[in-house]
Amino acid sequence: MDFFHKLRSIKNQVSKTENFGYDMRKQWETVFASHLTSMEKKEIYLHADSGASGYLWHVFSYGKRPCEKGNRAELGFDKQYKDTCLIFFQHSDDVWLVEDASDLKAKHLLLAEGEYTDLYVVARILNGLLPLPMNRDGLVRFFAENESGWGIEMFLRKLISACGATVIMVTLFSILEEFGAGLFLGIYLLPIILIYGIPSSILADFLTRRTDGHKRMVTAALLHVSLGALFVAVPTFIFDTAQGNWITSIRNNGFLFFYSVVSAFIFWCFDEGLKSKWFAGLKKIGMRV
C-alpha cells in the first residue's frame, strides 16, 4: 500500500491534485521565508538548484524561524486544531487535500518504513495554520508562531465575537431596564469593544499560544475578564483616587466595572465557540447545504 492509499484508509476524505506542488512551495516560501534575503536563502540551502526545489524546512533547522522538535513537535501537531489541510511535498508536484482533518496525527504521515518524507502540512489558507515540515531523519519541526488562525480569519472571528457580545449585552440591559437604555448602552459599548476588546483578546490569544486544552481555555477566560476589569480599574485609579479612597471609587463605578467584566466574558464565550470543533462541523454542514 502506497503512502496516499495508506492515508486515505485512515482519513477517507483525501483527494489528490497534480502539477500544483511548485506553486504551493513558492507560496510557503513567501509566507515563512520572506524575511530572508537571497543571500541568506542561499546560505541555508533553501534552493538546491533554482526556484523552490531545495529544502524549505531549512528555515527551521538553521534557526531562521522558531520551532519545536521531536516528540514535542509531534505532540503539538496532534493537539493543534485542524479543519481542512493541504499536504504537499518537497520533490513532487502532487498536492493532497485532506478534509475534516481534526483527527489527523503525526503518526499518520509516516511512511511504511516508519520514517517521514519531506512534506508540508498547511491550512487551505496557507498563513492561517501551522506548517509541519518533515524530513527523512524523522525530525518534525512545528512552527508555533503562526498557529490557531492568526491572520484575517482570526480578525473576522474577533469581529464577530465583538458584535455578538454587544448584542447580548444590549439584550440583557433591555430586559433589566428598557429597550431605549439597552440601545443607548450598545452605542457606547460597541466602539469600546472594537477598539479595546479586540486587541485585548488578541493579546490573550498570544499569551496562551503555548498552552492547550482546558488550561488554555481557563487562562484565556481569566485574561479576558482581567483585561475587561482593567478597562475601568486603571482610569479609576488614575483620575478618581485624588477624590478619595481607590476602593471606594471602584465601588462607585461598580456599574461600569460589572458590565466591563460581563462583556469581556461574553466576548470570550463567543470567541471560544467560533474556534470549537462543533462550530467547524456546523460550518462544514452549511457549506455542503
C-alpha atoms as a PDB file:
ATOM      1  CA  MET A   1       0.000   0.000   0.000  1.00  0.00           C
ATOM      2  CA  ASP A   2       1.497   3.360  -1.012  1.00  0.00           C
ATOM      3  CA  PHE A   3       1.532   6.446   1.195  1.00  0.00           C
ATOM      4  CA  PHE A   4      -1.530   8.065  -0.396  1.00  0.00           C
ATOM      5  CA  HIS A   5      -3.747   4.991  -0.053  1.00  0.00           C
ATOM      6  CA  LYS A   6      -2.489   4.436   3.493  1.00  0.00           C
ATOM      7  CA  LEU A   7      -3.571   7.957   4.451  1.00  0.00           C
ATOM      8  CA  ARG A   8      -6.835   7.542   2.587  1.00  0.00           C
ATOM      9  CA  SER A   9      -7.604   4.370   4.529  1.00  0.00           C
ATOM     10  CA  ILE A  10      -7.240   6.395   7.742  1.00  0.00           C
ATOM     11  CA  LYS A  11      -8.847   9.638   6.538  1.00  0.00           C
ATOM     12  CA  ASN A  12     -11.486   8.828   3.916  1.00  0.00           C
ATOM     13  CA  GLN A  13     -11.799  12.389   2.594  1.00  0.00           C
ATOM     14  CA  VAL A  14      -8.438  12.639   0.855  1.00  0.00           C
ATOM     15  CA  SER A  15      -8.048  13.713  -2.765  1.00  0.00           C
ATOM     16  CA  LYS A  16      -5.010  14.278  -4.963  1.00  0.00           C
ATOM     17  CA  THR A  17      -4.175  17.030  -7.466  1.00  0.00           C
ATOM     18  CA  GLU A  18      -1.132  17.134  -9.722  1.00  0.00           C
ATOM     19  CA  ASN A  19       1.056  19.986 -11.001  1.00  0.00           C
ATOM     20  CA  PHE A  20       0.396  22.429  -8.135  1.00  0.00           C
ATOM     21  CA  GLY A  21       3.311  21.499  -5.884  1.00  0.00           C
ATOM     22  CA  TYR A  22       5.620  24.180  -7.264  1.00  0.00           C
ATOM     23  CA  ASP A  23       3.023  26.902  -6.614  1.00  0.00           C
ATOM     24  CA  MET A  24       2.494  25.653  -3.060  1.00  0.00           C
ATOM     25  CA  ARG A  25       6.229  25.632  -2.342  1.00  0.00           C
ATOM     26  CA  LYS A  26       6.575  29.190  -3.624  1.00  0.00           C
ATOM     27  CA  GLN A  27       3.595  30.338  -1.568  1.00  0.00           C
ATOM     28  CA  TRP A  28       5.004  28.603   1.526  1.00  0.00           C
ATOM     29  CA  GLU A  29       8.319  30.353   0.968  1.00  0.00           C
ATOM     30  CA  THR A  30       6.577  33.717   0.662  1.00  0.00           C
ATOM     31  CA  VAL A  31       4.747  33.213   3.955  1.00  0.00           C
ATOM     32  CA  PHE A  32       7.560  31.738   6.045  1.00  0.00           C
ATOM     33  CA  ALA A  33      10.812  32.840   4.420  1.00  0.00           C
ATOM     34  CA  SER A  34      10.077  36.317   3.063  1.00  0.00           C
ATOM     35  CA  HIS A  35      12.160  37.864   5.854  1.00  0.00           C
ATOM     36  CA  LEU A  36      15.325  36.281   4.404  1.00  0.00           C
ATOM     37  CA  THR A  37      17.478  37.876   1.746  1.00  0.00           C
ATOM     38  CA  SER A  38      18.544  35.981  -1.368  1.00  0.00           C
ATOM     39  CA  MET A  39      21.995  35.513   0.157  1.00  0.00           C
ATOM     40  CA  GLU A  40      20.537  34.161   3.409  1.00  0.00           C
ATOM     41  CA  LYS A  41      18.390  31.694   1.474  1.00  0.00           C
ATOM     42  CA  LYS A  42      21.469  30.557  -0.394  1.00  0.00           C
ATOM     43  CA  GLU A  43      23.426  30.131   2.844  1.00  0.00           C
ATOM     44  CA  ILE A  44      20.824  27.793   4.319  1.00  0.00           C
ATOM     45  CA  TYR A  45      20.395  25.882   1.028  1.00  0.00           C
ATOM     46  CA  LEU A  46      16.748  26.783   0.752  1.00  0.00           C
ATOM     47  CA  HIS A  47      17.049  26.293  -3.007  1.00  0.00           C
ATOM     48  CA  ALA A  48      19.099  23.323  -4.137  1.00  0.00           C
ATOM     49  CA  ASP A  49      19.020  24.372  -7.776  1.00  0.00           C
ATOM     50  CA  SER A  50      16.532  27.081  -8.704  1.00  0.00           C
ATOM     51  CA  GLY A  51      13.034  28.141  -7.785  1.00  0.00           C
ATOM     52  CA  ALA A  52      11.716  26.424  -4.678  1.00  0.00           C
ATOM     53  CA  SER A  53      13.274  23.000  -5.313  1.00  0.00           C
ATOM     54  CA  GLY A  54      15.516  22.950  -2.239  1.00  0.00           C
ATOM     55  CA  TYR A  55      14.603  22.124   1.345  1.00  0.00           C
ATOM     56  CA  LEU A  56      12.133  24.614   2.748  1.00  0.00           C
ATOM     57  CA  TRP A  57      12.412  23.139   6.238  1.00  0.00           C
ATOM     58  CA  HIS A  58      15.962  24.538   6.392  1.00  0.00           C
ATOM     59  CA  VAL A  59      14.244  27.752   7.535  1.00  0.00           C
ATOM     60  CA  PHE A  60      13.759  25.926  10.844  1.00  0.00           C
ATOM     61  CA  SER A  61      16.843  23.714  11.024  1.00  0.00           C
ATOM     62  CA  TYR A  62      19.106  26.740  10.501  1.00  0.00           C
ATOM     63  CA  GLY A  63      17.302  28.691  13.200  1.00  0.00           C
ATOM     64  CA  LYS A  64      15.698  31.301  10.944  1.00  0.00           C
ATOM     65  CA  ARG A  65      12.300  30.569  12.457  1.00  0.00           C
ATOM     66  CA  PRO A  66      11.470  29.327  15.990  1.00  0.00           C
ATOM     67  CA  CYS A  67      10.248  25.761  16.220  1.00  0.00           C
ATOM     68  CA  GLU A  68       9.620  22.756  18.388  1.00  0.00           C
ATOM     69  CA  LYS A  69      11.383  19.478  17.628  1.00  0.00           C
ATOM     70  CA  GLY A  70      10.941  15.760  18.011  1.00  0.00           C
ATOM     71  CA  ASN A  71       8.280  14.463  20.382  1.00  0.00           C
ATOM     72  CA  ARG A  72       7.179  17.945  21.479  1.00  0.00           C
ATOM     73  CA  ALA A  73       6.587  18.909  17.851  1.00  0.00           C
ATOM     74  CA  GLU A  74       4.587  15.752  17.162  1.00  0.00           C
ATOM     75  CA  LEU A  75       2.510  16.290  20.306  1.00  0.00           C
ATOM     76  CA  GLY A  76       1.933  19.916  19.325  1.00  0.00           C
ATOM     77  CA  PHE A  77       0.751  18.874  15.873  1.00  0.00           C
ATOM     78  CA  ASP A  78      -1.575  16.227  17.303  1.00  0.00           C
ATOM     79  CA  LYS A  79      -3.191  18.764  19.661  1.00  0.00           C
ATOM     80  CA  GLN A  80      -3.421  21.540  17.068  1.00  0.00           C
ATOM     81  CA  TYR A  81      -6.938  22.167  15.799  1.00  0.00           C
ATOM     82  CA  LYS A  82      -7.128  21.288  12.085  1.00  0.00           C
ATOM     83  CA  ASP A  83     -10.049  21.627   9.708  1.00  0.00           C
ATOM     84  CA  THR A  84      -9.142  21.253   6.028  1.00  0.00           C
ATOM     85  CA  CYS A  85      -5.451  20.737   5.288  1.00  0.00           C
ATOM     86  CA  LEU A  86      -3.246  20.634   2.232  1.00  0.00           C
ATOM     87  CA  ILE A  87      -0.257  18.305   2.048  1.00  0.00           C
ATOM     88  CA  PHE A  88       2.474  18.977  -0.482  1.00  0.00           C
ATOM     89  CA  PHE A  89       5.961  17.650  -0.989  1.00  0.00           C
ATOM     90  CA  GLN A  90       9.498  18.863  -1.457  1.00  0.00           C
ATOM     91  CA  HIS A  91      10.243  16.729  -4.510  1.00  0.00           C
ATOM     92  CA  SER A  92       6.826  16.140  -6.021  1.00  0.00           C
ATOM     93  CA  ASP A  93       4.217  18.386  -7.585  1.00  0.00           C
ATOM     94  CA  ASP A  94       1.318  16.447  -6.083  1.00  0.00           C
ATOM     95  CA  VAL A  95      -0.947  18.271  -3.620  1.00  0.00           C
ATOM     96  CA  TRP A  96      -3.309  16.342  -1.359  1.00  0.00           C
ATOM     97  CA  LEU A  97      -6.481  17.792   0.102  1.00  0.00           C
ATOM     98  CA  VAL A  98      -7.489  16.338   3.485  1.00  0.00           C
ATOM     99  CA  GLU A  99     -10.981  17.344   4.581  1.00  0.00           C
ATOM    100  CA  ASP A 100     -12.109  17.136   8.202  1.00  0.00           C
ATOM    101  CA  ALA A 101      -8.510  16.738   9.372  1.00  0.00           C
ATOM    102  CA  SER A 102      -9.332  17.151  13.067  1.00  0.00           C
ATOM    103  CA  ASP A 103      -8.106  13.605  13.803  1.00  0.00           C
ATOM    104  CA  LEU A 104      -5.013  13.797  11.603  1.00  0.00           C
ATOM    105  CA  LYS A 105      -1.963  12.849  13.689  1.00  0.00           C
ATOM    106  CA  ALA A 106       1.753  12.974  13.016  1.00  0.00           C
ATOM    107  CA  LYS A 107       1.905   9.168  13.027  1.00  0.00           C
ATOM    108  CA  HIS A 108      -0.481   9.086  10.058  1.00  0.00           C
ATOM    109  CA  LEU A 109       2.201  10.807   7.971  1.00  0.00           C
ATOM    110  CA  LEU A 110       4.797   8.089   8.461  1.00  0.00           C
ATOM    111  CA  LEU A 111       5.939   6.016   5.511  1.00  0.00           C
ATOM    112  CA  ALA A 112       5.747   2.223   5.603  1.00  0.00           C
ATOM    113  CA  GLU A 113       9.348   2.192   6.840  1.00  0.00           C
ATOM    114  CA  GLY A 114       8.374   4.283   9.852  1.00  0.00           C
ATOM    115  CA  GLU A 115      10.129   7.396   8.541  1.00  0.00           C
ATOM    116  CA  TYR A 116       8.931  10.809   7.419  1.00  0.00           C
ATOM    117  CA  THR A 117       9.345  12.077   3.903  1.00  0.00           C
ATOM    118  CA  ASP A 118       9.946  15.733   3.032  1.00  0.00           C
ATOM    119  CA  LEU A 119       6.386  17.015   3.179  1.00  0.00           C
ATOM    120  CA  TYR A 120       4.497  20.068   4.439  1.00  0.00           C
ATOM    121  CA  VAL A 121       1.056  20.272   6.019  1.00  0.00           C
ATOM    122  CA  VAL A 122      -0.720  23.617   5.882  1.00  0.00           C
ATOM    123  CA  ALA A 123      -4.221  25.004   6.128  1.00  0.00           C
ATOM    124  CA  ARG A 124      -6.165  25.640   2.964  1.00  0.00           C
ATOM    125  CA  ILE A 125      -5.406  29.326   3.663  1.00  0.00           C
ATOM    126  CA  LEU A 126      -1.656  28.953   3.977  1.00  0.00           C
ATOM    127  CA  ASN A 127      -0.991  31.685   6.517  1.00  0.00           C
ATOM    128  CA  GLY A 128      -3.891  30.543   8.671  1.00  0.00           C
ATOM    129  CA  LEU A 129      -2.333  27.474  10.268  1.00  0.00           C
ATOM    130  CA  LEU A 130       0.960  25.901  11.186  1.00  0.00           C
ATOM    131  CA  PRO A 131       3.300  24.346   8.682  1.00  0.00           C
ATOM    132  CA  LEU A 132       4.567  20.900   9.579  1.00  0.00           C
ATOM    133  CA  PRO A 133       7.797  20.290   7.660  1.00  0.00           C
ATOM    134  CA  MET A 134       9.165  16.769   7.970  1.00  0.00           C
ATOM    135  CA  ASN A 135      12.441  15.340   6.798  1.00  0.00           C
ATOM    136  CA  ARG A 136      13.746  11.845   6.271  1.00  0.00           C
ATOM    137  CA  ASP A 137      15.505  11.845   9.621  1.00  0.00           C
ATOM    138  CA  GLY A 138      12.132  11.706  11.352  1.00  0.00           C
ATOM    139  CA  LEU A 139      12.536  15.179  12.858  1.00  0.00           C
ATOM    140  CA  VAL A 140       9.295  17.118  12.856  1.00  0.00           C
ATOM    141  CA  ARG A 141       9.533  20.869  13.008  1.00  0.00           C
ATOM    142  CA  PHE A 142       6.480  22.634  14.346  1.00  0.00           C
ATOM    143  CA  PHE A 143       6.277  26.371  13.756  1.00  0.00           C
ATOM    144  CA  ALA A 144       4.413  27.746  16.736  1.00  0.00           C
ATOM    145  CA  GLU A 145       4.085  31.447  15.903  1.00  0.00           C
ATOM    146  CA  ASN A 146       1.558  31.160  13.123  1.00  0.00           C
ATOM    147  CA  GLU A 147      -0.951  28.821  14.653  1.00  0.00           C
ATOM    148  CA  SER A 148      -4.605  28.991  15.608  1.00  0.00           C
ATOM    149  CA  GLY A 149      -5.758  31.090  12.732  1.00  0.00           C
ATOM    150  CA  TRP A 150      -3.528  34.146  13.065  1.00  0.00           C
ATOM    151  CA  GLY A 151      -4.457  36.446  10.225  1.00  0.00           C
ATOM    152  CA  ILE A 152      -7.657  37.557   8.539  1.00  0.00           C
ATOM    153  CA  GLU A 153      -9.561  34.522   9.853  1.00  0.00           C
ATOM    154  CA  MET A 154      -8.680  35.437  13.424  1.00  0.00           C
ATOM    155  CA  PHE A 155      -9.648  39.096  12.935  1.00  0.00           C
ATOM    156  CA  LEU A 156     -13.035  38.111  11.495  1.00  0.00           C
ATOM    157  CA  ARG A 157     -13.586  35.790  14.451  1.00  0.00           C
ATOM    158  CA  LYS A 158     -12.808  38.609  16.870  1.00  0.00           C
ATOM    159  CA  LEU A 159     -15.087  40.993  14.972  1.00  0.00           C
ATOM    160  CA  ILE A 160     -17.985  38.527  15.130  1.00  0.00           C
ATOM    161  CA  SER A 161     -17.309  37.979  18.841  1.00  0.00           C
ATOM    162  CA  ALA A 162     -17.348  41.742  19.446  1.00  0.00           C
ATOM    163  CA  CYS A 163     -20.678  42.166  17.669  1.00  0.00           C
ATOM    164  CA  GLY A 164     -22.119  39.115  19.424  1.00  0.00           C
ATOM    165  CA  ALA A 165     -21.061  40.370  22.854  1.00  0.00           C
ATOM    166  CA  THR A 166     -22.619  43.765  22.119  1.00  0.00           C
ATOM    167  CA  VAL A 167     -25.925  42.217  21.031  1.00  0.00           C
ATOM    168  CA  ILE A 168     -26.087  40.048  24.157  1.00  0.00           C
ATOM    169  CA  MET A 169     -25.285  42.989  26.450  1.00  0.00           C
ATOM    170  CA  VAL A 170     -27.876  45.211  24.760  1.00  0.00           C
ATOM    171  CA  THR A 171     -30.470  42.422  25.078  1.00  0.00           C
ATOM    172  CA  LEU A 172     -29.685  41.847  28.772  1.00  0.00           C
ATOM    173  CA  PHE A 173     -29.782  45.544  29.595  1.00  0.00           C
ATOM    174  CA  SER A 174     -33.024  45.993  27.658  1.00  0.00           C
ATOM    175  CA  ILE A 175     -34.599  43.185  29.704  1.00  0.00           C
ATOM    176  CA  LEU A 176     -33.331  44.568  33.013  1.00  0.00           C
ATOM    177  CA  GLU A 177     -34.097  48.198  32.243  1.00  0.00           C
ATOM    178  CA  GLU A 178     -35.799  49.154  28.990  1.00  0.00           C
ATOM    179  CA  PHE A 179     -35.063  48.902  25.277  1.00  0.00           C
ATOM    180  CA  GLY A 180     -34.010  52.524  24.924  1.00  0.00           C
ATOM    181  CA  ALA A 181     -31.474  52.161  27.729  1.00  0.00           C
ATOM    182  CA  GLY A 182     -30.127  48.976  26.155  1.00  0.00           C
ATOM    183  CA  LEU A 183     -29.738  50.664  22.774  1.00  0.00           C
ATOM    184  CA  PHE A 184     -28.004  53.599  24.426  1.00  0.00           C
ATOM    185  CA  LEU A 185     -25.577  51.184  26.091  1.00  0.00           C
ATOM    186  CA  GLY A 186     -24.871  49.465  22.759  1.00  0.00           C
ATOM    187  CA  ILE A 187     -23.991  52.758  21.054  1.00  0.00           C
ATOM    188  CA  TYR A 188     -21.164  53.265  23.541  1.00  0.00           C
ATOM    189  CA  LEU A 189     -20.257  49.624  24.129  1.00  0.00           C
ATOM    190  CA  LEU A 190     -19.602  48.527  20.536  1.00  0.00           C
ATOM    191  CA  PRO A 191     -16.821  51.082  19.818  1.00  0.00           C
ATOM    192  CA  ILE A 192     -15.184  50.225  23.153  1.00  0.00           C
ATOM    193  CA  ILE A 193     -15.193  46.501  22.379  1.00  0.00           C
ATOM    194  CA  LEU A 194     -13.881  47.128  18.866  1.00  0.00           C
ATOM    195  CA  ILE A 195     -11.099  49.465  19.965  1.00  0.00           C
ATOM    196  CA  TYR A 196     -10.152  47.899  23.302  1.00  0.00           C
ATOM    197  CA  GLY A 197     -11.770  44.460  23.411  1.00  0.00           C
ATOM    198  CA  ILE A 198     -10.414  43.042  20.151  1.00  0.00           C
ATOM    199  CA  PRO A 199      -6.755  43.981  20.845  1.00  0.00           C
ATOM    200  CA  SER A 200      -7.153  42.659  24.398  1.00  0.00           C
ATOM    201  CA  SER A 201      -8.483  39.356  23.081  1.00  0.00           C
ATOM    202  CA  ILE A 202      -5.629  39.105  20.562  1.00  0.00           C
ATOM    203  CA  LEU A 203      -3.197  39.709  23.427  1.00  0.00           C
ATOM    204  CA  ALA A 204      -4.870  36.934  25.436  1.00  0.00           C
ATOM    205  CA  ASP A 205      -4.516  34.558  22.471  1.00  0.00           C
ATOM    206  CA  PHE A 206      -0.857  35.478  22.136  1.00  0.00           C
ATOM    207  CA  LEU A 207      -0.152  34.882  25.822  1.00  0.00           C
ATOM    208  CA  THR A 208      -1.868  31.480  25.772  1.00  0.00           C
ATOM    209  CA  ARG A 209      -0.483  30.280  22.438  1.00  0.00           C
ATOM    210  CA  ARG A 210       1.912  27.813  24.127  1.00  0.00           C
ATOM    211  CA  THR A 211      -0.834  26.108  26.142  1.00  0.00           C
ATOM    212  CA  ASP A 212      -3.732  23.933  25.044  1.00  0.00           C
ATOM    213  CA  GLY A 213      -6.860  22.170  26.189  1.00  0.00           C
ATOM    214  CA  HIS A 214      -8.742  23.249  29.301  1.00  0.00           C
ATOM    215  CA  LYS A 215      -5.681  25.006  30.686  1.00  0.00           C
ATOM    216  CA  ARG A 216      -5.622  27.350  27.690  1.00  0.00           C
ATOM    217  CA  MET A 217      -9.358  27.985  27.861  1.00  0.00           C
ATOM    218  CA  VAL A 218      -9.345  28.806  31.577  1.00  0.00           C
ATOM    219  CA  THR A 219      -6.276  31.028  31.244  1.00  0.00           C
ATOM    220  CA  ALA A 220      -7.791  32.831  28.260  1.00  0.00           C
ATOM    221  CA  ALA A 221     -11.037  33.379  30.172  1.00  0.00           C
ATOM    222  CA  LEU A 222      -9.192  34.850  33.161  1.00  0.00           C
ATOM    223  CA  LEU A 223      -7.162  37.115  30.876  1.00  0.00           C
ATOM    224  CA  HIS A 224     -10.278  38.371  29.083  1.00  0.00           C
ATOM    225  CA  VAL A 225     -12.073  39.092  32.360  1.00  0.00           C
ATOM    226  CA  SER A 226      -8.987  40.705  33.918  1.00  0.00           C
ATOM    227  CA  LEU A 227      -8.378  42.945  30.928  1.00  0.00           C
ATOM    228  CA  GLY A 228     -12.053  43.895  30.947  1.00  0.00           C
ATOM    229  CA  ALA A 229     -11.788  44.841  34.622  1.00  0.00           C
ATOM    230  CA  LEU A 230      -8.636  46.859  33.988  1.00  0.00           C
ATOM    231  CA  PHE A 231     -10.508  48.986  31.454  1.00  0.00           C
ATOM    232  CA  VAL A 232     -12.411  50.516  34.388  1.00  0.00           C
ATOM    233  CA  ALA A 233      -9.910  49.990  37.211  1.00  0.00           C
ATOM    234  CA  VAL A 234      -6.940  51.789  35.622  1.00  0.00           C
ATOM    235  CA  PRO A 235      -8.755  55.052  34.716  1.00  0.00           C
ATOM    236  CA  THR A 236     -10.419  54.984  38.140  1.00  0.00           C
ATOM    237  CA  PHE A 237      -7.045  54.654  39.843  1.00  0.00           C
ATOM    238  CA  ILE A 238      -5.533  57.447  37.744  1.00  0.00           C
ATOM    239  CA  PHE A 239      -8.325  60.018  37.835  1.00  0.00           C
ATOM    240  CA  ASP A 240     -10.538  59.297  40.853  1.00  0.00           C
ATOM    241  CA  THR A 241      -8.208  58.394  43.707  1.00  0.00           C
ATOM    242  CA  ALA A 242      -7.388  62.038  44.350  1.00  0.00           C
ATOM    243  CA  GLN A 243     -11.005  62.490  45.425  1.00  0.00           C
ATOM    244  CA  GLY A 244     -10.940  59.648  47.957  1.00  0.00           C
ATOM    245  CA  ASN A 245     -10.160  56.018  48.578  1.00  0.00           C
ATOM    246  CA  TRP A 246      -9.406  53.959  45.446  1.00  0.00           C
ATOM    247  CA  ILE A 247     -11.612  51.059  46.553  1.00  0.00           C
ATOM    248  CA  THR A 248     -14.463  53.475  47.170  1.00  0.00           C
ATOM    249  CA  SER A 249     -14.024  54.887  43.662  1.00  0.00           C
ATOM    250  CA  ILE A 250     -14.205  51.373  42.205  1.00  0.00           C
ATOM    251  CA  ARG A 251     -17.362  50.752  44.207  1.00  0.00           C
ATOM    252  CA  ASN A 252     -18.864  53.987  42.893  1.00  0.00           C
ATOM    253  CA  ASN A 253     -18.091  52.822  39.373  1.00  0.00           C
ATOM    254  CA  GLY A 254     -19.492  49.374  40.096  1.00  0.00           C
ATOM    255  CA  PHE A 255     -21.943  49.582  37.185  1.00  0.00           C
ATOM    256  CA  LEU A 256     -19.164  50.137  34.641  1.00  0.00           C
ATOM    257  CA  PHE A 257     -16.930  47.570  36.332  1.00  0.00           C
ATOM    258  CA  PHE A 258     -19.653  44.915  36.262  1.00  0.00           C
ATOM    259  CA  TYR A 259     -20.608  45.443  32.640  1.00  0.00           C
ATOM    260  CA  SER A 260     -16.959  45.521  31.514  1.00  0.00           C
ATOM    261  CA  VAL A 261     -16.298  42.167  33.141  1.00  0.00           C
ATOM    262  CA  VAL A 262     -19.510  40.583  31.835  1.00  0.00           C
ATOM    263  CA  SER A 263     -18.883  41.938  28.319  1.00  0.00           C
ATOM    264  CA  ALA A 264     -15.353  40.513  28.347  1.00  0.00           C
ATOM    265  CA  PHE A 265     -16.624  37.115  29.477  1.00  0.00           C
ATOM    266  CA  ILE A 266     -19.318  37.002  26.791  1.00  0.00           C
ATOM    267  CA  PHE A 267     -16.713  38.033  24.195  1.00  0.00           C
ATOM    268  CA  TRP A 268     -14.561  35.094  25.337  1.00  0.00           C
ATOM    269  CA  CYS A 269     -17.531  32.710  25.091  1.00  0.00           C
ATOM    270  CA  PHE A 270     -18.202  33.760  21.508  1.00  0.00           C
ATOM    271  CA  ASP A 271     -14.520  33.523  20.588  1.00  0.00           C
ATOM    272  CA  GLU A 272     -14.130  30.024  22.034  1.00  0.00           C
ATOM    273  CA  GLY A 273     -17.360  28.910  20.407  1.00  0.00           C
ATOM    274  CA  LEU A 274     -16.175  30.064  16.982  1.00  0.00           C
ATOM    275  CA  LYS A 275     -12.899  28.170  17.487  1.00  0.00           C
ATOM    276  CA  SER A 276     -14.598  24.956  18.597  1.00  0.00           C
ATOM    277  CA  LYS A 277     -14.860  21.738  16.596  1.00  0.00           C
ATOM    278  CA  TRP A 278     -18.640  21.960  16.974  1.00  0.00           C
ATOM    279  CA  PHE A 279     -18.747  25.247  15.070  1.00  0.00           C
ATOM    280  CA  ALA A 280     -16.306  23.935  12.454  1.00  0.00           C
ATOM    281  CA  GLY A 281     -18.595  20.965  11.869  1.00  0.00           C
ATOM    282  CA  LEU A 282     -21.650  23.215  11.691  1.00  0.00           C
ATOM    283  CA  LYS A 283     -19.883  25.469   9.187  1.00  0.00           C
ATOM    284  CA  LYS A 284     -18.963  22.482   7.061  1.00  0.00           C
ATOM    285  CA  ILE A 285     -22.577  21.254   7.037  1.00  0.00           C
ATOM    286  CA  GLY A 286     -23.719  24.723   5.988  1.00  0.00           C
ATOM    287  CA  MET A 287     -21.197  24.816   3.140  1.00  0.00           C
ATOM    288  CA  ARG A 288     -22.380  21.424   1.872  1.00  0.00           C
ATOM    289  CA  VAL A 289     -26.030  22.518   2.034  1.00  0.00           C
END
